[in-house]
Protein backbone atom coordinates (compact mmCIF):
# COMPACT_ATOMS: atom_id res chain seq x y z
CA MET A 1 -40.56 -2.78 22.91
CA ASN A 2 -41.41 -6.09 23.37
CA ASP A 3 -39.39 -9.31 22.31
CA ARG A 4 -42.10 -9.88 19.19
CA SER A 5 -41.33 -6.72 18.25
CA LYS A 6 -37.83 -6.77 18.27
CA LYS A 7 -38.14 -10.16 16.45
CA THR A 8 -40.27 -8.54 13.74
CA ILE A 9 -37.70 -5.59 13.52
CA SER A 10 -34.72 -7.77 12.94
CA THR A 11 -36.01 -10.27 10.21
CA SER A 12 -37.07 -6.96 8.31
CA ALA A 13 -33.48 -5.44 8.74
CA LEU A 14 -31.74 -8.17 7.96
CA GLU A 15 -33.91 -8.97 4.78
CA LEU A 16 -33.67 -5.60 3.50
CA ALA A 17 -29.96 -5.59 3.60
CA ARG A 18 -29.36 -8.79 1.93
CA LYS A 19 -31.72 -7.32 -0.88
CA VAL A 20 -29.69 -4.09 -0.47
CA LEU A 21 -26.37 -5.69 -0.93
CA ALA A 22 -27.70 -7.93 -4.03
CA ILE A 23 -28.64 -5.11 -5.90
CA GLU A 24 -25.30 -3.84 -5.50
CA ALA A 25 -23.46 -6.64 -6.47
CA ASP A 26 -25.66 -7.01 -9.49
CA ALA A 27 -25.06 -3.35 -10.26
CA VAL A 28 -21.17 -3.99 -9.97
CA SER A 29 -21.56 -7.19 -12.15
CA GLY A 30 -23.75 -5.62 -15.08
CA LEU A 31 -20.70 -3.32 -15.81
CA ILE A 32 -18.56 -6.07 -16.90
CA SER A 33 -20.47 -7.00 -19.64
CA ARG A 34 -20.28 -3.32 -20.81
CA LEU A 35 -16.78 -2.93 -20.92
CA ASP A 36 -15.51 -2.08 -24.49
CA GLU A 37 -13.32 0.11 -26.24
CA ARG A 38 -14.90 2.69 -24.56
CA PHE A 39 -12.90 1.83 -21.54
CA THR A 40 -9.51 1.48 -23.12
CA ASP A 41 -10.29 4.87 -24.92
CA ALA A 42 -10.66 6.20 -21.49
CA VAL A 43 -7.32 4.56 -20.40
CA GLY A 44 -5.24 5.68 -23.38
CA LEU A 45 -6.24 9.10 -22.75
CA ILE A 46 -4.75 9.34 -19.26
CA LEU A 47 -1.75 7.45 -20.23
CA ALA A 48 -0.91 10.05 -22.99
CA CYS A 49 -1.73 12.96 -20.61
CA ARG A 50 0.96 15.26 -19.87
CA GLY A 51 -0.64 16.77 -17.02
CA ARG A 52 -2.91 15.56 -14.21
CA VAL A 53 -6.47 14.04 -14.18
CA VAL A 54 -8.78 16.10 -12.57
CA VAL A 55 -11.96 14.35 -11.02
CA SER A 56 -14.89 16.56 -10.56
CA GLY A 57 -18.59 15.87 -9.60
CA VAL A 58 -21.38 17.06 -7.15
CA GLY A 59 -23.67 15.93 -4.58
CA LYS A 60 -22.58 12.13 -3.99
CA SER A 61 -21.11 11.55 -7.05
CA GLY A 62 -18.86 14.24 -5.96
CA HIS A 63 -17.92 11.85 -3.09
CA ILE A 64 -17.34 9.37 -5.03
CA ALA A 65 -14.93 11.20 -7.57
CA ARG A 66 -13.04 12.28 -4.32
CA LYS A 67 -12.00 8.93 -3.89
CA ILE A 68 -11.30 7.87 -7.07
CA ALA A 69 -8.98 10.84 -7.81
CA SER A 70 -7.34 9.55 -4.06
CA THR A 71 -7.05 6.20 -5.61
CA LEU A 72 -5.65 7.19 -8.92
CA ALA A 73 -2.83 8.86 -7.04
CA SER A 74 -1.87 6.30 -5.10
CA THR A 75 -1.67 3.99 -7.86
CA GLY A 76 0.46 6.03 -10.16
CA THR A 77 -2.23 8.39 -11.57
CA PRO A 78 -1.48 11.98 -10.47
CA ALA A 79 -4.61 13.23 -9.79
CA PHE A 80 -6.83 15.60 -7.68
CA PHE A 81 -10.25 16.63 -6.67
CA VAL A 82 -12.35 19.84 -7.94
CA HIS A 83 -15.62 20.60 -6.87
CA ALA A 84 -17.83 21.59 -9.94
CA ALA A 85 -19.94 23.91 -8.42
CA GLU A 86 -16.41 25.61 -7.03
CA ALA A 87 -14.91 24.64 -10.23
CA GLY A 88 -17.47 27.51 -11.49
CA HIS A 89 -16.33 29.96 -8.91
CA GLY A 90 -12.61 30.13 -9.31
CA ASP A 91 -11.13 26.65 -8.94
CA LEU A 92 -11.42 25.96 -12.76
CA GLY A 93 -7.68 28.07 -12.90
CA MET A 94 -6.90 24.50 -11.26
CA ILE A 95 -7.24 23.12 -14.52
CA THR A 96 -5.16 23.34 -17.75
CA ARG A 97 -4.89 22.42 -21.32
CA ASP A 98 -2.73 19.42 -20.66
CA ASP A 99 -5.43 17.68 -17.93
CA VAL A 100 -8.14 15.02 -18.65
CA VAL A 101 -11.48 15.81 -16.69
CA LEU A 102 -12.95 12.87 -15.60
CA ALA A 103 -16.56 14.07 -14.83
CA LEU A 104 -19.13 12.26 -12.77
CA SER A 105 -22.78 12.28 -13.06
CA ASN A 106 -25.38 9.40 -12.60
CA SER A 107 -28.02 11.89 -14.42
CA GLY A 108 -25.26 13.11 -16.92
CA GLU A 109 -27.13 15.99 -16.47
CA SER A 110 -25.81 17.70 -13.43
CA ASP A 111 -26.42 22.10 -13.90
CA GLU A 112 -23.20 22.23 -11.86
CA LEU A 113 -20.72 20.20 -14.97
CA LEU A 114 -22.83 21.07 -17.70
CA THR A 115 -21.72 24.77 -17.33
CA ILE A 116 -18.19 24.09 -17.36
CA ILE A 117 -17.54 21.64 -19.75
CA PRO A 118 -17.81 24.08 -22.48
CA LEU A 119 -14.85 26.32 -20.56
CA ILE A 120 -12.91 23.27 -20.04
CA LYS A 121 -13.47 22.41 -23.52
CA ARG A 122 -12.31 25.13 -24.95
CA ARG A 123 -8.92 25.00 -22.68
CA GLY A 124 -8.30 21.96 -25.01
CA ALA A 125 -8.40 19.45 -21.76
CA LYS A 126 -9.74 16.13 -22.59
CA LEU A 127 -13.12 14.75 -20.98
CA ILE A 128 -13.82 11.35 -19.79
CA ALA A 129 -17.59 11.70 -18.55
CA LEU A 130 -18.69 8.46 -16.13
CA THR A 131 -22.40 8.61 -16.19
CA GLY A 132 -25.48 6.26 -15.81
CA ASN A 133 -27.22 7.51 -18.88
CA PRO A 134 -24.99 7.01 -22.14
CA ASP A 135 -27.70 9.52 -23.82
CA SER A 136 -27.10 12.15 -21.93
CA SER A 137 -25.12 15.63 -22.56
CA LEU A 138 -22.29 14.85 -20.39
CA ALA A 139 -21.71 11.61 -21.85
CA ARG A 140 -22.23 13.45 -25.62
CA GLU A 141 -19.70 15.95 -25.03
CA ALA A 142 -16.99 13.82 -23.60
CA ASP A 143 -14.05 12.45 -25.58
CA ALA A 144 -14.81 9.04 -23.47
CA HIS A 145 -17.83 7.55 -21.76
CA LEU A 146 -17.76 5.06 -18.93
CA ASP A 147 -21.16 3.53 -18.77
CA ALA A 148 -22.09 3.01 -14.99
CA GLN A 149 -25.84 2.62 -15.54
CA VAL A 150 -28.00 0.26 -13.09
CA ALA A 151 -31.35 -0.99 -13.30
CA GLN A 152 -32.02 0.26 -10.63
CA GLU A 153 -30.80 1.60 -6.52
CA ALA A 154 -30.88 -0.26 -3.66
CA CYS A 155 -33.04 2.24 -1.63
CA PRO A 156 -36.44 0.95 -1.56
CA LEU A 157 -37.66 4.49 -2.89
CA ASN A 158 -35.33 4.34 -5.88
CA LEU A 159 -33.96 7.61 -4.78
CA ALA A 160 -31.28 7.41 -2.68
CA PRO A 161 -27.99 7.18 -4.32
CA THR A 162 -27.31 3.51 -3.67
CA ALA A 163 -26.59 1.13 -6.00
CA SER A 164 -25.60 3.95 -8.60
CA THR A 165 -22.64 5.13 -6.69
CA THR A 166 -21.60 1.63 -6.01
CA ALA A 167 -20.87 1.36 -9.52
CA ALA A 168 -19.37 4.42 -10.11
CA LEU A 169 -16.67 3.33 -7.43
CA ALA A 170 -16.53 0.36 -8.29
CA LEU A 171 -15.39 1.15 -12.49
CA GLY A 172 -13.03 3.79 -11.46
CA ASP A 173 -11.05 1.44 -9.56
CA ALA A 174 -11.20 -0.98 -12.43
CA LEU A 175 -10.05 2.29 -14.43
CA ALA A 176 -7.36 2.83 -11.71
CA ILE A 177 -5.85 -0.85 -11.80
CA ALA A 178 -6.46 -0.40 -15.08
CA LEU A 179 -3.99 2.13 -15.60
CA LEU A 180 -1.71 0.54 -12.80
CA ASP A 181 -0.86 -2.27 -14.87
CA ALA A 182 -0.44 -0.17 -18.00
CA ARG A 183 2.18 1.78 -16.24
CA GLY A 184 4.24 -1.09 -14.74
CA PHE A 185 3.23 0.51 -10.97
CA ASN A 186 4.75 -1.93 -8.40
CA GLU A 187 4.96 -2.43 -4.73
CA GLN A 188 7.92 -0.28 -4.53
CA ASP A 189 6.35 2.79 -6.22
CA PHE A 190 3.24 2.03 -4.23
CA ALA A 191 5.41 1.97 -0.88
CA ARG A 192 6.79 5.42 -2.26
CA ALA A 193 3.29 6.93 -2.46
CA HIS A 194 2.43 5.57 1.07
CA PRO A 195 5.48 6.09 2.98
CA GLY A 196 3.47 6.66 6.19
CA GLY A 197 1.65 2.94 6.24
CA ALA A 198 2.88 -0.26 6.93
CA LEU A 199 3.47 -1.22 3.46
CA GLY A 200 6.21 1.91 3.51
CA ARG A 201 7.66 0.85 6.13
CA LYS A 202 8.00 -2.39 5.10
CA LEU A 203 9.29 -1.55 1.64
CA LEU A 204 10.89 1.62 2.26
CA THR A 205 13.17 0.89 5.27
CA HIS A 206 16.48 -0.26 5.43
CA VAL A 207 18.50 -2.48 7.93
CA SER A 208 20.90 0.98 8.14
CA GLU A 209 17.96 2.42 10.01
CA VAL A 210 17.52 -0.27 12.22
CA MET A 211 20.28 -2.00 13.11
CA ARG A 212 22.22 -1.27 16.27
CA THR A 213 25.40 0.37 15.90
CA GLY A 214 29.11 1.30 17.72
CA LYS A 215 28.73 0.21 21.21
CA ASP A 216 25.23 -1.44 21.39
CA ILE A 217 26.82 -4.16 18.81
CA PRO A 218 27.45 -7.50 20.59
CA ALA A 219 31.26 -8.44 19.61
CA VAL A 220 34.41 -10.33 21.15
CA LEU A 221 37.61 -11.15 19.41
CA ALA A 222 38.12 -14.72 18.78
CA THR A 223 40.91 -15.03 21.09
CA ALA A 224 38.90 -13.64 24.24
CA SER A 225 37.84 -16.17 27.35
CA PHE A 226 34.68 -18.11 27.19
CA SER A 227 33.64 -16.03 30.31
CA ASP A 228 34.32 -12.59 28.63
CA MET A 229 31.96 -13.92 25.78
CA LEU A 230 29.09 -14.91 28.26
CA MET A 231 29.51 -11.52 29.75
CA GLU A 232 29.37 -10.00 26.46
CA ILE A 233 25.94 -11.65 25.38
CA SER A 234 24.55 -10.73 29.04
CA ARG A 235 25.59 -6.67 28.54
CA LYS A 236 24.37 -6.51 24.89
CA GLY A 237 20.75 -8.09 25.61
CA MET A 238 20.62 -9.36 21.88
CA GLY A 239 21.01 -13.40 22.73
CA MET A 240 24.18 -13.55 20.23
CA THR A 241 27.54 -12.09 20.02
CA ALA A 242 29.81 -11.57 16.77
CA ILE A 243 33.18 -13.23 16.86
CA LEU A 244 35.72 -10.85 15.47
CA GLY A 245 39.50 -12.07 13.92
CA SER A 246 42.39 -10.09 14.45
CA ASP A 247 41.45 -7.71 11.47
CA ARG A 248 37.76 -6.71 13.12
CA LYS A 249 36.57 -9.25 10.72
CA VAL A 250 33.34 -11.35 11.38
CA VAL A 251 34.74 -15.06 11.37
CA GLY A 252 31.75 -16.65 13.54
CA ILE A 253 28.82 -15.95 15.89
CA PHE A 254 27.59 -17.72 19.47
CA THR A 255 24.29 -17.55 20.28
CA ASP A 256 21.59 -18.60 23.63
CA GLY A 257 21.53 -21.41 21.78
CA ASP A 258 24.94 -22.37 20.68
CA LEU A 259 25.62 -22.35 24.65
CA ARG A 260 22.82 -24.30 25.28
CA ARG A 261 24.30 -27.24 23.14
CA THR A 262 27.69 -26.43 24.27
CA LEU A 263 26.73 -26.87 28.00
CA GLU A 264 25.23 -30.39 27.18
CA THR A 265 28.56 -31.95 25.87
CA LYS A 266 31.10 -29.61 28.12
CA PRO A 267 29.54 -28.76 31.04
CA ASP A 268 33.00 -27.38 32.58
CA VAL A 269 33.09 -24.14 30.06
CA ARG A 270 36.33 -23.28 31.65
CA SER A 271 38.78 -24.26 29.51
CA VAL A 272 36.81 -24.18 25.94
CA GLN A 273 38.03 -22.28 23.67
CA ILE A 274 35.52 -19.93 21.41
CA ALA A 275 37.06 -21.17 18.00
CA GLU A 276 35.85 -24.46 19.26
CA VAL A 277 32.36 -23.65 19.58
CA MET A 278 31.69 -20.71 17.62
CA LYS A 279 29.67 -20.86 14.48
CA ARG A 280 31.29 -20.10 11.39
CA SER A 281 30.45 -18.32 8.26
CA PRO A 282 27.36 -16.79 10.00
CA ARG A 283 24.42 -15.39 8.38
CA THR A 284 24.99 -11.57 7.21
CA ILE A 285 22.99 -8.98 5.47
CA ALA A 286 24.58 -5.77 4.03
CA PRO A 287 23.62 -2.42 5.29
CA HIS A 288 22.24 -1.05 2.42
CA LYS A 289 19.27 -3.26 2.04
CA LEU A 290 15.89 -3.59 2.49
CA ALA A 291 14.63 -4.37 6.23
CA ALA A 292 12.32 -6.78 4.35
CA GLU A 293 14.81 -8.84 3.48
CA ALA A 294 16.39 -9.41 6.52
CA VAL A 295 12.81 -10.45 7.96
CA GLU A 296 12.94 -13.01 5.03
CA LEU A 297 16.53 -14.00 5.38
CA MET A 298 15.44 -14.62 9.37
CA GLU A 299 12.47 -16.59 8.59
CA ARG A 300 13.84 -18.78 5.69
CA HIS A 301 16.97 -19.83 7.49
CA LYS A 302 15.28 -19.97 11.15
CA ILE A 303 17.04 -17.58 12.98
CA ASN A 304 16.40 -14.83 15.11
CA GLN A 305 19.45 -12.53 14.78
CA LEU A 306 21.66 -11.25 11.92
CA LEU A 307 25.17 -9.61 11.84
CA VAL A 308 25.47 -6.33 9.69
CA VAL A 309 28.97 -6.62 7.61
CA SER A 310 30.60 -4.05 5.07
CA GLU A 311 31.74 -5.39 1.72
CA ALA A 312 34.98 -5.94 3.12
CA GLY A 313 33.06 -8.31 5.87
CA GLU A 314 34.01 -6.03 8.67
CA LEU A 315 31.19 -5.42 11.29
CA VAL A 316 29.45 -2.68 11.39
CA GLY A 317 25.52 -3.36 13.01
CA ALA A 318 23.79 -6.48 14.28
CA LEU A 319 19.70 -6.37 14.58
CA ASN A 320 17.37 -9.29 15.81
CA MET A 321 13.84 -9.95 15.79
CA HIS A 322 12.91 -7.66 18.41
CA ASP A 323 14.57 -4.80 16.16
CA LEU A 324 12.20 -5.21 13.48
CA PHE A 325 9.32 -5.08 15.28
CA ARG A 326 9.86 -2.20 17.07
CA ALA A 327 10.54 -0.50 13.61
CA ARG A 328 7.27 -2.49 12.68
CA VAL A 329 8.58 -3.60 9.84
CA ILE A 330 6.66 -6.89 10.99
C-alpha cells in the first residue's frame, strides 16, 4: 500500500469516526428532552421493590442489559441479569412476584422477551420496558416505559446497533444514578460493594490494619540517652521514634528532621537530654480510624509519620507514608 492510499484511508477513517461520535452524542443528548414522569415512575417502581431488579434482553440489548444490572448492583440497587432466551427455558424461576423486571429491546418486539412477559405479569412482578419504540408490544405491556429512541444508528448501513445501544446504556446509567441518589447511597456504601478496588481499600482499611505494632514500634523512654534514641531510630527505620513517659504514655516524638535541626544548634549532642529536643504533643491517631483519615492528617500537617495511641494515650502502633503506600491506600 502506497503513501497516497494510506493517507486516503486515514482521512476516511477519521471522518467516519467523527461522524459516529457525533451521531452517538446526538442520540444521548436527545434523551434529555424526553425524560418525563415515566422515568420517575420507573424509579418509584424500583424503590418500592421488595425483591431485586431483573434486567433482561437478547443480542446487543442483552449485553447492555448485563452492564446495567452490574451498575445497579454496584450502586445500591440489588440486581442481576437473566438472558431472555434462557428465561424461556427454566431461568424464569429466578423471577418472583417481589421483583421488578427491566426488559431491553430496541424494537420492543423481541420474540424471546414477548414470550416470557405474560408469565412475568402473571407472577405479579412489575415490568419496566426500555425500548426505542414507544408504540411497541413491549412498551404497551410495561408498567413504565423508558424511551431510548434514536434518529439513526451510527452504522453507515443504519443496521448495526450502535447509537441505539449507546442511548440505552446511558439511560440505564441515568436510572442507576437516580436510584443511588434516592437511596442516599454514599462513598462508604460504594466501597462496601467494591472491597477489591482502590476506593474500597481507601474507605474500608483501618489504621489498625496497616500500622506497625509490638517490637516494630520505635519508642524510647524520655529518660533514655540521646545516643540510645538515635540507635532506636536507626534500628526501626521509620525516621522517628516515640518518646514515652514513665507510665508508657506518649509525651513526644523525635524525627530525622528534628535531628538535623538539633545538630545545627548543638553540634555536640553527647550531653543533650531528650526532653530538651523532642517535639511535645505530637500528632496522633486512634487505631479504629480509617487509614484514609491518617493520610488526610499527614497531608494537612505536612508530616510523614503518625503515632497510634489508645484512648488512654498509650502507644499501640506507628505508621508512616510508606506503610500507607504498601497498603495501597494512597
